[in-house]
Protein backbone atom coordinates (compact mmCIF):
# COMPACT_ATOMS: atom_id res chain seq x y z
CA MET A 1 117.31 70.89 17.67
CA GLY A 2 115.49 73.09 15.18
CA THR A 3 116.02 76.36 17.01
CA GLY A 4 119.16 78.43 17.30
CA THR A 5 122.08 79.02 14.99
CA ALA A 6 124.89 76.82 13.69
CA THR A 7 127.10 77.89 16.61
CA GLY A 8 124.48 76.84 19.15
CA GLY A 9 123.44 80.34 20.21
CA PRO A 10 119.88 81.61 20.17
CA ALA A 11 118.39 82.56 16.82
CA VAL A 12 118.14 86.30 16.17
CA ILE A 13 114.53 87.22 15.51
CA LYS A 14 114.12 90.11 13.09
CA SER A 15 111.76 92.73 14.46
CA ARG A 16 110.21 95.82 12.95
CA ILE A 17 110.14 97.64 16.29
CA ARG A 18 113.04 100.03 16.77
CA LYS A 19 114.47 102.31 19.41
CA GLY A 20 112.42 105.51 19.74
CA ASP A 21 109.12 104.00 18.53
CA MET A 22 105.98 104.70 20.55
CA VAL A 23 104.49 101.35 21.58
CA ILE A 24 101.50 100.08 23.55
CA VAL A 25 101.60 96.94 25.69
CA ILE A 26 99.03 94.37 24.50
CA ALA A 27 99.60 91.61 27.09
CA GLY A 28 100.82 91.16 30.64
CA ARG A 29 100.81 93.21 33.82
CA GLU A 30 101.31 96.54 32.01
CA LYS A 31 98.56 95.92 29.40
CA GLY A 32 97.13 99.12 27.88
CA LYS A 33 100.04 101.38 28.88
CA MET A 34 102.15 103.28 26.35
CA GLY A 35 105.78 104.31 26.27
CA LYS A 36 108.85 104.95 24.13
CA VAL A 37 111.23 102.10 23.27
CA LEU A 38 114.59 102.58 24.98
CA HIS A 39 116.37 99.41 23.87
CA VAL A 40 115.69 96.46 21.55
CA ASN A 41 117.53 93.15 21.99
CA PRO A 42 116.84 90.97 18.91
CA ARG A 43 118.91 88.07 20.28
CA THR A 44 116.58 87.55 23.26
CA SER A 45 113.48 89.03 21.53
CA ARG A 46 113.02 91.56 24.32
CA VAL A 47 112.36 95.28 24.38
CA THR A 48 112.79 97.88 27.14
CA VAL A 49 110.04 100.50 27.30
CA GLU A 50 110.31 103.82 29.14
CA LYS A 51 108.59 103.85 32.58
CA LEU A 52 107.03 100.38 32.07
CA ASN A 53 107.83 97.04 33.73
CA VAL A 54 109.67 98.85 36.53
CA ILE A 55 111.54 96.61 38.98
CA LYS A 56 113.29 97.36 42.26
CA ARG A 57 116.98 96.52 42.24
CA HIS A 58 118.84 96.14 45.55
CA THR A 59 122.28 97.59 44.85
CA LYS A 60 125.45 97.71 46.95
CA PRO A 61 127.60 100.85 46.84
CA SER A 62 130.49 100.61 44.35
CA GLN A 63 132.92 102.83 42.45
CA LYS A 64 130.27 103.49 39.80
CA ILE A 65 127.26 103.82 42.12
CA LYS A 66 128.38 105.79 45.17
CA GLN A 67 125.15 105.35 47.12
CA GLY A 68 123.56 101.92 47.19
CA GLY A 69 120.01 101.13 48.12
CA ILE A 70 116.84 100.15 46.33
CA LEU A 71 116.90 101.54 42.78
CA GLU A 72 113.99 101.42 40.34
CA ARG A 73 114.72 100.63 36.70
CA GLU A 74 112.93 99.36 33.61
CA ALA A 75 113.20 95.64 32.93
CA PRO A 76 112.98 94.18 29.42
CA MET A 77 109.70 92.60 28.32
CA ALA A 78 108.91 90.20 25.49
CA ILE A 79 108.75 91.94 22.11
CA SER A 80 105.57 89.97 21.30
CA ASN A 81 103.77 91.85 24.11
CA VAL A 82 104.08 95.27 22.43
CA MET A 83 102.73 96.83 19.22
CA VAL A 84 103.61 100.11 17.54
CA TYR A 85 101.06 102.79 18.41
CA SER A 86 99.62 105.06 15.72
CA GLN A 87 99.20 108.50 17.26
CA THR A 88 97.14 109.80 14.35
CA MET A 89 94.60 106.95 14.55
CA GLY A 90 94.89 106.38 18.29
CA LYS A 91 95.24 102.59 18.09
CA PRO A 92 97.99 99.95 17.74
CA SER A 93 99.01 98.63 14.35
CA ARG A 94 101.36 96.16 12.73
CA VAL A 95 104.35 97.42 10.77
CA THR A 96 105.09 96.66 7.11
CA ILE A 97 107.88 97.63 4.76
CA LYS A 98 107.02 99.87 1.81
CA ARG A 99 109.31 100.72 -1.10
CA LEU A 100 109.24 104.38 -2.13
CA ASP A 101 109.50 105.65 -5.70
CA ASP A 102 113.20 106.45 -5.28
CA GLY A 103 113.92 102.84 -4.18
CA ARG A 104 114.23 103.41 -0.43
CA ARG A 105 112.48 101.05 1.99
CA VAL A 106 110.58 102.59 4.90
CA ARG A 107 108.46 101.21 7.71
CA VAL A 108 104.77 102.09 7.56
CA LEU A 109 101.77 101.14 9.67
CA GLN A 110 99.31 98.65 8.18
CA LYS A 111 96.22 100.46 9.48
CA SER A 112 97.41 103.85 8.16
CA PRO A 113 99.90 103.46 5.29
CA ASP A 114 100.42 107.25 5.20
CA ASP A 115 102.19 107.12 8.61
CA VAL A 116 105.89 106.61 7.81
CA LEU A 117 107.85 105.56 10.91
CA ASP A 118 111.32 106.13 9.45
CA LYS A 119 112.86 109.51 8.77
CA VAL A 120 112.24 110.30 5.09
């Protein structure tokens, strides 16, 4: 009974990966491939990456989707299977929080602290 919250729901895991980050997959079927993060779900600890983990969805026609059929879409993958990719160094890196001189906190890469991920 050690996991979860007081209301019984799943615990929200804080992640340093955000929407728009360039990530590389480090484990699983898509290992070694890169893409941009489309959606992060901290409640389920899953992340959706552009053009990776593509599944085929059999869809019936509806009001929203006029033509049914087999649609391809990205499925979420575990957030532990991706790392932020440093484009300057060309390798994946962990993310840390650095406090600037003016007091703001920004995300930086551990392997190259000069790469600031957040808009400054």
